[in-house]
Amino acid sequence: MPEDSIGVECKDLIGIITINNPEKKNAVNNEMLIRIGQSLEQMEADGFRAIIIRGTGDRMFCSGYDVSAFPKVADSILGRGNEKDRPDYVRLTARKFEEITVPVIAMINGHCMGAGLDMAGACDLRYAASGVKFQIPPARLGITYNPEGVMRLINTVGVGRAKELLYLAQDVTAEKAYEMGFLNRVLPREELESFTMSVARNIAENAPLAIRGMKKIFKYCLEHQKITEERDLEAAQIFQGLIQSKDAAEALLSFLEKRKPVFKGR
């Protein structure tokens, strides 16, 4: 993984975070997720007025969580590994997008999968290039999607569409994602960056205290939908059981062997 796997830059009062792991199709691991969270907090502390997150290149925004890290995650859950290898960082980082008072814009310049979709879903605004695809693959990996991510999908696209995305685990085009309500707009690839920057500049030109206040109000309006600690624990136990299943092992093995998995419900 390159040292600059998370790029950070500033243009006036606009912060830009770039996922830079092209060798693994911009997949993220815990270290990268921690850096994203820290960058968001620092930009908020520094008085940035808008933040854009994007992927390097034009093929992938983020291909999801680095599947090669799953054995470490399993060891951690079973008490044999490092606490830092636990999978909670996807959820914790996505939560950061919602908790900071600065509006965050997802500039989805490439395919967006799994954890990448979870982070994009936690952003305030989402713009994508025509031709990119979206997918939430846990059903193909023999595991579940985190409850907060499910709730975000329900809030954005509705229960029926959320179930369709999660149960089928199929590719969805940017145009279909827009129709579902997940995206604010789909643009020609050559227009995406300039359009996203213009939106960020417009936000930055508005009264910053008013913008931050409105983001807090949106957060308050959604707080009644929070997952209870009891339900969160139950979901973690479901994940814990699944990641130790033979189906999850088959999903990882088939990924490494580049073949279609054969699930047996065990």
C-alpha atoms as a PDB file:
ATOM      1  CA  MET A   1       0.000   0.000   0.000  1.00  0.00           C
ATOM      2  CA  PRO A   2       1.479   3.397  -0.940  1.00  0.00           C
ATOM      3  CA  GLU A   3       2.441   5.774   1.865  1.00  0.00           C
ATOM      4  CA  ASP A   4       0.060   8.373   0.431  1.00  0.00           C
ATOM      5  CA  SER A   5      -2.861   5.938   0.171  1.00  0.00           C
ATOM      6  CA  ILE A   6      -5.085   8.761   1.416  1.00  0.00           C
ATOM      7  CA  GLY A   7      -4.333  12.042  -0.331  1.00  0.00           C
ATOM      8  CA  VAL A   8      -5.325  15.345   1.266  1.00  0.00           C
ATOM      9  CA  GLU A   9      -5.308  18.753  -0.420  1.00  0.00           C
ATOM     10  CA  CYS A  10      -6.923  22.156  -0.045  1.00  0.00           C
ATOM     11  CA  LYS A  11      -8.332  24.528  -2.667  1.00  0.00           C
ATOM     12  CA  ASP A  12      -9.296  27.754  -0.942  1.00  0.00           C
ATOM     13  CA  LEU A  13     -11.748  26.632   1.770  1.00  0.00           C
ATOM     14  CA  ILE A  14     -12.512  23.306   0.092  1.00  0.00           C
ATOM     15  CA  GLY A  15     -10.810  20.124   1.281  1.00  0.00           C
ATOM     16  CA  ILE A  16     -10.269  17.179  -1.054  1.00  0.00           C
ATOM     17  CA  ILE A  17      -9.681  13.626   0.221  1.00  0.00           C
ATOM     18  CA  THR A  18      -8.511  11.094  -2.376  1.00  0.00           C
ATOM     19  CA  ILE A  19      -8.540   7.325  -1.922  1.00  0.00           C
ATOM     20  CA  ASN A  20      -5.278   6.317  -3.582  1.00  0.00           C
ATOM     21  CA  ASN A  21      -4.827   2.553  -3.683  1.00  0.00           C
ATOM     22  CA  PRO A  22      -4.989   1.806  -7.438  1.00  0.00           C
ATOM     23  CA  GLU A  23      -3.196  -1.556  -7.161  1.00  0.00           C
ATOM     24  CA  LYS A  24      -6.223  -2.834  -5.213  1.00  0.00           C
ATOM     25  CA  LYS A  25      -8.834  -0.822  -7.109  1.00  0.00           C
ATOM     26  CA  ASN A  26      -8.949   1.771  -4.326  1.00  0.00           C
ATOM     27  CA  ALA A  27      -9.997  -0.813  -1.737  1.00  0.00           C
ATOM     28  CA  VAL A  28      -9.723   0.459   1.829  1.00  0.00           C
ATOM     29  CA  ASN A  29      -8.353  -1.168   4.951  1.00  0.00           C
ATOM     30  CA  ASN A  30      -8.533  -0.088   8.586  1.00  0.00           C
ATOM     31  CA  GLU A  31      -5.420   2.093   8.412  1.00  0.00           C
ATOM     32  CA  MET A  32      -6.834   4.000   5.435  1.00  0.00           C
ATOM     33  CA  LEU A  33     -10.234   4.366   7.083  1.00  0.00           C
ATOM     34  CA  ILE A  34      -8.606   5.793  10.204  1.00  0.00           C
ATOM     35  CA  ARG A  35      -6.737   8.325   8.043  1.00  0.00           C
ATOM     36  CA  ILE A  36      -9.961   9.366   6.313  1.00  0.00           C
ATOM     37  CA  GLY A  37     -11.643   9.918   9.673  1.00  0.00           C
ATOM     38  CA  GLN A  38      -8.706  11.928  10.987  1.00  0.00           C
ATOM     39  CA  SER A  39      -8.622  14.040   7.810  1.00  0.00           C
ATOM     40  CA  LEU A  40     -12.320  14.846   8.134  1.00  0.00           C
ATOM     41  CA  GLU A  41     -11.897  15.932  11.757  1.00  0.00           C
ATOM     42  CA  GLN A  42      -8.829  18.044  10.938  1.00  0.00           C
ATOM     43  CA  MET A  43     -10.575  19.784   8.062  1.00  0.00           C
ATOM     44  CA  GLU A  44     -13.516  20.603  10.322  1.00  0.00           C
ATOM     45  CA  ALA A  45     -11.145  21.988  12.988  1.00  0.00           C
ATOM     46  CA  ASP A  46      -9.313  24.056  10.357  1.00  0.00           C
ATOM     47  CA  GLY A  47     -12.512  25.795   9.277  1.00  0.00           C
ATOM     48  CA  PHE A  48     -12.980  24.188   5.870  1.00  0.00           C
ATOM     49  CA  ARG A  49     -16.418  24.971   4.434  1.00  0.00           C
ATOM     50  CA  ALA A  50     -16.877  21.967   2.146  1.00  0.00           C
ATOM     51  CA  ILE A  51     -15.112  18.626   1.671  1.00  0.00           C
ATOM     52  CA  ILE A  52     -14.960  16.396  -1.403  1.00  0.00           C
ATOM     53  CA  ILE A  53     -14.025  12.712  -1.308  1.00  0.00           C
ATOM     54  CA  ARG A  54     -13.003  10.956  -4.503  1.00  0.00           C
ATOM     55  CA  GLY A  55     -10.993   8.003  -5.789  1.00  0.00           C
ATOM     56  CA  THR A  56      -7.760   8.255  -7.726  1.00  0.00           C
ATOM     57  CA  GLY A  57      -7.948   7.585 -11.465  1.00  0.00           C
ATOM     58  CA  ASP A  58     -11.195   7.123 -13.354  1.00  0.00           C
ATOM     59  CA  ARG A  59     -11.967   3.425 -12.872  1.00  0.00           C
ATOM     60  CA  MET A  60     -12.797   3.118  -9.177  1.00  0.00           C
ATOM     61  CA  PHE A  61     -14.128   5.450  -6.525  1.00  0.00           C
ATOM     62  CA  CYS A  62     -13.656   2.617  -4.015  1.00  0.00           C
ATOM     63  CA  SER A  63     -13.984  -1.131  -4.580  1.00  0.00           C
ATOM     64  CA  GLY A  64     -14.905  -1.688  -0.921  1.00  0.00           C
ATOM     65  CA  TYR A  65     -13.123  -3.176   2.052  1.00  0.00           C
ATOM     66  CA  ASP A  66      -9.907  -5.018   1.205  1.00  0.00           C
ATOM     67  CA  VAL A  67     -11.120  -8.634   1.108  1.00  0.00           C
ATOM     68  CA  SER A  68      -7.566  -9.896   1.646  1.00  0.00           C
ATOM     69  CA  ALA A  69      -7.808  -8.452   5.185  1.00  0.00           C
ATOM     70  CA  PHE A  70     -10.776 -10.692   6.060  1.00  0.00           C
ATOM     71  CA  PRO A  71      -8.631 -13.463   7.635  1.00  0.00           C
ATOM     72  CA  LYS A  72      -7.165 -10.865  10.049  1.00  0.00           C
ATOM     73  CA  VAL A  73     -10.672  -9.625  10.799  1.00  0.00           C
ATOM     74  CA  ALA A  74     -11.839 -13.159  11.557  1.00  0.00           C
ATOM     75  CA  ASP A  75      -8.836 -13.781  13.834  1.00  0.00           C
ATOM     76  CA  SER A  76      -9.568 -10.559  15.704  1.00  0.00           C
ATOM     77  CA  ILE A  77     -13.219 -11.469  16.224  1.00  0.00           C
ATOM     78  CA  LEU A  78     -12.172 -14.879  17.543  1.00  0.00           C
ATOM     79  CA  GLY A  79      -9.724 -13.268  19.952  1.00  0.00           C
ATOM     80  CA  ARG A  80      -6.599 -14.390  18.107  1.00  0.00           C
ATOM     81  CA  GLY A  81      -5.699 -11.133  16.403  1.00  0.00           C
ATOM     82  CA  ASN A  82      -5.075  -7.458  16.931  1.00  0.00           C
ATOM     83  CA  GLU A  83      -7.974  -5.255  18.079  1.00  0.00           C
ATOM     84  CA  LYS A  84      -7.001  -2.855  15.270  1.00  0.00           C
ATOM     85  CA  ASP A  85      -7.988  -5.541  12.759  1.00  0.00           C
ATOM     86  CA  ARG A  86     -11.657  -5.471  13.805  1.00  0.00           C
ATOM     87  CA  PRO A  87     -14.042  -4.410  11.004  1.00  0.00           C
ATOM     88  CA  ASP A  88     -15.729  -1.588  12.945  1.00  0.00           C
ATOM     89  CA  TYR A  89     -13.723   1.101  11.141  1.00  0.00           C
ATOM     90  CA  VAL A  90     -16.006   1.007   8.090  1.00  0.00           C
ATOM     91  CA  ARG A  91     -18.939   1.942  10.287  1.00  0.00           C
ATOM     92  CA  LEU A  92     -16.973   4.389  12.452  1.00  0.00           C
ATOM     93  CA  THR A  93     -15.548   6.210   9.442  1.00  0.00           C
ATOM     94  CA  ALA A  94     -18.906   6.441   7.673  1.00  0.00           C
ATOM     95  CA  ARG A  95     -20.320   7.869  10.903  1.00  0.00           C
ATOM     96  CA  LYS A  96     -17.624  10.587  10.825  1.00  0.00           C
ATOM     97  CA  PHE A  97     -19.024  11.872   7.508  1.00  0.00           C
ATOM     98  CA  GLU A  98     -22.342  12.450   9.244  1.00  0.00           C
ATOM     99  CA  GLU A  99     -20.993  13.760  12.554  1.00  0.00           C
ATOM    100  CA  ILE A 100     -18.715  16.539  11.327  1.00  0.00           C
ATOM    101  CA  THR A 101     -20.514  19.840  10.750  1.00  0.00           C
ATOM    102  CA  VAL A 102     -18.918  20.479   7.335  1.00  0.00           C
ATOM    103  CA  PRO A 103     -20.889  19.289   4.269  1.00  0.00           C
ATOM    104  CA  VAL A 104     -19.162  16.368   2.519  1.00  0.00           C
ATOM    105  CA  ILE A 105     -19.625  15.675  -1.194  1.00  0.00           C
ATOM    106  CA  ALA A 106     -18.928  12.282  -2.785  1.00  0.00           C
ATOM    107  CA  MET A 107     -17.463  12.778  -6.261  1.00  0.00           C
ATOM    108  CA  ILE A 108     -17.982   9.264  -7.564  1.00  0.00           C
ATOM    109  CA  ASN A 109     -15.597   9.162 -10.486  1.00  0.00           C
ATOM    110  CA  GLY A 110     -15.448   5.364 -10.723  1.00  0.00           C
ATOM    111  CA  HIS A 111     -17.215   2.197  -9.636  1.00  0.00           C
ATOM    112  CA  CYS A 112     -18.428   2.267  -6.038  1.00  0.00           C
ATOM    113  CA  MET A 113     -18.730  -0.968  -4.056  1.00  0.00           C
ATOM    114  CA  GLY A 114     -19.336  -2.130  -0.481  1.00  0.00           C
ATOM    115  CA  ALA A 115     -17.565   0.080   2.044  1.00  0.00           C
ATOM    116  CA  GLY A 116     -17.132   2.698  -0.679  1.00  0.00           C
ATOM    117  CA  LEU A 117     -20.893   2.842  -1.100  1.00  0.00           C
ATOM    118  CA  ASP A 118     -21.316   3.024   2.675  1.00  0.00           C
ATOM    119  CA  MET A 119     -19.018   6.069   2.845  1.00  0.00           C
ATOM    120  CA  ALA A 120     -20.694   7.682  -0.153  1.00  0.00           C
ATOM    121  CA  GLY A 121     -24.088   7.048   1.422  1.00  0.00           C
ATOM    122  CA  ALA A 122     -22.965   8.907   4.551  1.00  0.00           C
ATOM    123  CA  CYS A 123     -22.013  12.004   2.526  1.00  0.00           C
ATOM    124  CA  ASP A 124     -24.345  14.983   2.259  1.00  0.00           C
ATOM    125  CA  LEU A 125     -24.360  15.055  -1.544  1.00  0.00           C
ATOM    126  CA  ARG A 126     -23.464  12.466  -4.175  1.00  0.00           C
ATOM    127  CA  TYR A 127     -22.543  13.137  -7.811  1.00  0.00           C
ATOM    128  CA  ALA A 128     -21.423  10.379 -10.183  1.00  0.00           C
ATOM    129  CA  ALA A 129     -20.005  10.002 -13.660  1.00  0.00           C
ATOM    130  CA  SER A 130     -22.197   8.328 -16.236  1.00  0.00           C
ATOM    131  CA  GLY A 131     -21.139   4.727 -16.716  1.00  0.00           C
ATOM    132  CA  VAL A 132     -20.020   3.993 -13.157  1.00  0.00           C
ATOM    133  CA  LYS A 133     -21.562   1.053 -11.318  1.00  0.00           C
ATOM    134  CA  PHE A 134     -22.635   0.488  -7.729  1.00  0.00           C
ATOM    135  CA  GLN A 135     -22.789  -2.748  -5.769  1.00  0.00           C
ATOM    136  CA  ILE A 136     -23.159  -3.919  -2.170  1.00  0.00           C
ATOM    137  CA  PRO A 137     -21.571  -7.409  -2.139  1.00  0.00           C
ATOM    138  CA  PRO A 138     -21.959  -8.882   1.413  1.00  0.00           C
ATOM    139  CA  ALA A 139     -24.514 -11.483   0.235  1.00  0.00           C
ATOM    140  CA  ARG A 140     -21.833 -12.753  -2.160  1.00  0.00           C
ATOM    141  CA  LEU A 141     -19.237 -12.790   0.619  1.00  0.00           C
ATOM    142  CA  GLY A 142     -21.335 -14.761   3.090  1.00  0.00           C
ATOM    143  CA  ILE A 143     -21.606 -11.886   5.567  1.00  0.00           C
ATOM    144  CA  THR A 144     -24.029  -9.103   6.529  1.00  0.00           C
ATOM    145  CA  TYR A 145     -24.030  -5.352   5.957  1.00  0.00           C
ATOM    146  CA  ASN A 146     -23.697  -3.156   9.048  1.00  0.00           C
ATOM    147  CA  PRO A 147     -27.013  -1.872  10.518  1.00  0.00           C
ATOM    148  CA  GLU A 148     -26.116   1.814  10.172  1.00  0.00           C
ATOM    149  CA  GLY A 149     -25.365   1.283   6.485  1.00  0.00           C
ATOM    150  CA  VAL A 150     -28.718  -0.473   6.061  1.00  0.00           C
ATOM    151  CA  MET A 151     -30.477   2.442   7.782  1.00  0.00           C
ATOM    152  CA  ARG A 152     -28.760   4.945   5.477  1.00  0.00           C
ATOM    153  CA  LEU A 153     -29.935   2.993   2.455  1.00  0.00           C
ATOM    154  CA  ILE A 154     -33.494   2.884   3.786  1.00  0.00           C
ATOM    155  CA  ASN A 155     -33.440   6.645   4.397  1.00  0.00           C
ATOM    156  CA  THR A 156     -32.080   7.292   0.908  1.00  0.00           C
ATOM    157  CA  VAL A 157     -33.788   4.794  -1.399  1.00  0.00           C
ATOM    158  CA  GLY A 158     -36.558   3.228   0.723  1.00  0.00           C
ATOM    159  CA  VAL A 159     -37.011  -0.238   2.223  1.00  0.00           C
ATOM    160  CA  GLY A 160     -37.868  -2.075  -0.991  1.00  0.00           C
ATOM    161  CA  ARG A 161     -34.933  -0.683  -2.974  1.00  0.00           C
ATOM    162  CA  ALA A 162     -32.559  -1.263  -0.053  1.00  0.00           C
ATOM    163  CA  LYS A 163     -33.589  -4.927   0.134  1.00  0.00           C
ATOM    164  CA  GLU A 164     -33.167  -5.255  -3.617  1.00  0.00           C
ATOM    165  CA  LEU A 165     -29.624  -3.857  -3.439  1.00  0.00           C
ATOM    166  CA  LEU A 166     -28.633  -6.073  -0.502  1.00  0.00           C
ATOM    167  CA  TYR A 167     -30.385  -9.320  -1.401  1.00  0.00           C
ATOM    168  CA  LEU A 168     -29.397  -9.358  -5.082  1.00  0.00           C
ATOM    169  CA  ALA A 169     -25.868  -7.906  -4.667  1.00  0.00           C
ATOM    170  CA  GLN A 170     -25.935  -6.999  -8.347  1.00  0.00           C
ATOM    171  CA  ASP A 171     -24.363  -4.105 -10.231  1.00  0.00           C
ATOM    172  CA  VAL A 172     -26.526  -0.989 -10.499  1.00  0.00           C
ATOM    173  CA  THR A 173     -25.761   1.712 -13.071  1.00  0.00           C
ATOM    174  CA  ALA A 174     -25.338   5.346 -12.074  1.00  0.00           C
ATOM    175  CA  GLU A 175     -28.534   6.134 -13.944  1.00  0.00           C
ATOM    176  CA  LYS A 176     -30.429   3.490 -11.957  1.00  0.00           C
ATOM    177  CA  ALA A 177     -28.877   4.740  -8.694  1.00  0.00           C
ATOM    178  CA  TYR A 178     -30.116   8.236  -9.583  1.00  0.00           C
ATOM    179  CA  GLU A 179     -33.589   6.890 -10.319  1.00  0.00           C
ATOM    180  CA  MET A 180     -33.556   5.162  -6.909  1.00  0.00           C
ATOM    181  CA  GLY A 181     -32.683   8.448  -5.218  1.00  0.00           C
ATOM    182  CA  PHE A 182     -29.175   7.476  -4.125  1.00  0.00           C
ATOM    183  CA  LEU A 183     -27.487  10.069  -6.352  1.00  0.00           C
ATOM    184  CA  ASN A 184     -28.169  13.787  -6.604  1.00  0.00           C
ATOM    185  CA  ARG A 185     -27.036  13.903 -10.225  1.00  0.00           C
ATOM    186  CA  VAL A 186     -25.299  11.888 -12.960  1.00  0.00           C
ATOM    187  CA  LEU A 187     -22.948  13.802 -15.246  1.00  0.00           C
ATOM    188  CA  PRO A 188     -20.730  13.091 -18.263  1.00  0.00           C
ATOM    189  CA  ARG A 189     -17.344  12.000 -16.939  1.00  0.00           C
ATOM    190  CA  GLU A 190     -15.569  15.060 -18.348  1.00  0.00           C
ATOM    191  CA  GLU A 191     -17.954  17.382 -16.461  1.00  0.00           C
ATOM    192  CA  LEU A 192     -17.999  15.652 -13.079  1.00  0.00           C
ATOM    193  CA  GLU A 193     -14.991  17.323 -11.450  1.00  0.00           C
ATOM    194  CA  SER A 194     -15.818  20.863 -12.538  1.00  0.00           C
ATOM    195  CA  PHE A 195     -19.454  20.472 -11.537  1.00  0.00           C
ATOM    196  CA  THR A 196     -18.604  19.009  -8.109  1.00  0.00           C
ATOM    197  CA  MET A 197     -16.099  21.793  -7.465  1.00  0.00           C
ATOM    198  CA  SER A 198     -18.691  24.401  -8.433  1.00  0.00           C
ATOM    199  CA  VAL A 199     -21.151  22.919  -5.922  1.00  0.00           C
ATOM    200  CA  ALA A 200     -18.459  22.925  -3.223  1.00  0.00           C
ATOM    201  CA  ARG A 201     -17.601  26.561  -4.021  1.00  0.00           C
ATOM    202  CA  ASN A 202     -21.256  27.554  -3.817  1.00  0.00           C
ATOM    203  CA  ILE A 203     -21.536  25.928  -0.398  1.00  0.00           C
ATOM    204  CA  ALA A 204     -18.279  27.583   0.720  1.00  0.00           C
ATOM    205  CA  GLU A 205     -19.619  31.020  -0.294  1.00  0.00           C
ATOM    206  CA  ASN A 206     -22.684  30.674   1.915  1.00  0.00           C
ATOM    207  CA  ALA A 207     -22.749  31.602   5.611  1.00  0.00           C
ATOM    208  CA  PRO A 208     -20.653  28.872   7.278  1.00  0.00           C
ATOM    209  CA  LEU A 209     -22.452  29.001  10.636  1.00  0.00           C
ATOM    210  CA  ALA A 210     -25.810  28.610   8.878  1.00  0.00           C
ATOM    211  CA  ILE A 211     -24.560  25.635   6.846  1.00  0.00           C
ATOM    212  CA  ARG A 212     -23.115  23.934   9.928  1.00  0.00           C
ATOM    213  CA  GLY A 213     -26.301  24.650  11.843  1.00  0.00           C
ATOM    214  CA  MET A 214     -28.443  23.109   9.105  1.00  0.00           C
ATOM    215  CA  LYS A 215     -26.279  19.991   8.970  1.00  0.00           C
ATOM    216  CA  LYS A 216     -26.775  19.587  12.732  1.00  0.00           C
ATOM    217  CA  ILE A 217     -30.536  19.951  12.277  1.00  0.00           C
ATOM    218  CA  PHE A 218     -30.544  17.222   9.609  1.00  0.00           C
ATOM    219  CA  LYS A 219     -28.652  15.040  12.085  1.00  0.00           C
ATOM    220  CA  TYR A 220     -31.187  15.759  14.836  1.00  0.00           C
ATOM    221  CA  CYS A 221     -34.062  14.857  12.513  1.00  0.00           C
ATOM    222  CA  LEU A 222     -32.556  11.433  11.863  1.00  0.00           C
ATOM    223  CA  GLU A 223     -31.457  10.633  15.420  1.00  0.00           C
ATOM    224  CA  HIS A 224     -34.697   8.872  16.332  1.00  0.00           C
ATOM    225  CA  GLN A 225     -33.720   6.167  13.834  1.00  0.00           C
ATOM    226  CA  LYS A 226     -30.509   5.229  15.625  1.00  0.00           C
ATOM    227  CA  ILE A 227     -29.810   1.541  16.196  1.00  0.00           C
ATOM    228  CA  THR A 228     -30.077   0.587  19.881  1.00  0.00           C
ATOM    229  CA  GLU A 229     -27.060  -0.922  21.625  1.00  0.00           C
ATOM    230  CA  GLU A 230     -28.960  -4.188  22.056  1.00  0.00           C
ATOM    231  CA  ARG A 231     -29.772  -4.475  18.364  1.00  0.00           C
ATOM    232  CA  ASP A 232     -26.240  -3.413  17.447  1.00  0.00           C
ATOM    233  CA  LEU A 233     -24.859  -6.232  19.592  1.00  0.00           C
ATOM    234  CA  GLU A 234     -27.238  -8.721  17.991  1.00  0.00           C
ATOM    235  CA  ALA A 235     -26.093  -7.611  14.524  1.00  0.00           C
ATOM    236  CA  ALA A 236     -22.442  -7.991  15.589  1.00  0.00           C
ATOM    237  CA  GLN A 237     -23.173 -11.516  16.803  1.00  0.00           C
ATOM    238  CA  ILE A 238     -24.803 -12.367  13.480  1.00  0.00           C
ATOM    239  CA  PHE A 239     -21.713 -11.069  11.647  1.00  0.00           C
ATOM    240  CA  GLN A 240     -19.439 -12.965  14.040  1.00  0.00           C
ATOM    241  CA  GLY A 241     -21.238 -16.227  13.333  1.00  0.00           C
ATOM    242  CA  LEU A 242     -21.258 -15.688   9.581  1.00  0.00           C
ATOM    243  CA  ILE A 243     -17.609 -14.780   9.197  1.00  0.00           C
ATOM    244  CA  GLN A 244     -16.739 -18.148  10.806  1.00  0.00           C
ATOM    245  CA  SER A 245     -19.048 -20.048   8.444  1.00  0.00           C
ATOM    246  CA  LYS A 246     -17.939 -22.324   5.633  1.00  0.00           C
ATOM    247  CA  ASP A 247     -19.797 -20.107   3.186  1.00  0.00           C
ATOM    248  CA  ALA A 248     -17.664 -17.106   4.187  1.00  0.00           C
ATOM    249  CA  ALA A 249     -14.524 -19.199   3.761  1.00  0.00           C
ATOM    250  CA  GLU A 250     -15.773 -20.292   0.336  1.00  0.00           C
ATOM    251  CA  ALA A 251     -16.441 -16.663  -0.623  1.00  0.00           C
ATOM    252  CA  LEU A 252     -12.880 -15.662   0.227  1.00  0.00           C
ATOM    253  CA  LEU A 253     -11.362 -18.723  -1.468  1.00  0.00           C
ATOM    254  CA  SER A 254     -13.398 -18.202  -4.635  1.00  0.00           C
ATOM    255  CA  PHE A 255     -12.352 -14.536  -4.714  1.00  0.00           C
ATOM    256  CA  LEU A 256      -8.681 -15.474  -4.479  1.00  0.00           C
ATOM    257  CA  GLU A 257      -9.146 -18.217  -7.099  1.00  0.00           C
ATOM    258  CA  LYS A 258     -11.193 -15.866  -9.330  1.00  0.00           C
ATOM    259  CA  ARG A 259     -14.180 -18.176  -9.671  1.00  0.00           C
ATOM    260  CA  LYS A 260     -17.858 -18.127  -8.789  1.00  0.00           C
ATOM    261  CA  PRO A 261     -18.539 -19.228  -5.180  1.00  0.00           C
ATOM    262  CA  VAL A 262     -20.663 -22.293  -4.410  1.00  0.00           C
ATOM    263  CA  PHE A 263     -22.610 -21.641  -1.201  1.00  0.00           C
ATOM    264  CA  LYS A 264     -24.071 -24.531   0.816  1.00  0.00           C
ATOM    265  CA  GLY A 265     -25.704 -22.708   3.700  1.00  0.00           C
ATOM    266  CA  ARG A 266     -23.180 -23.893   6.287  1.00  0.00           C
END
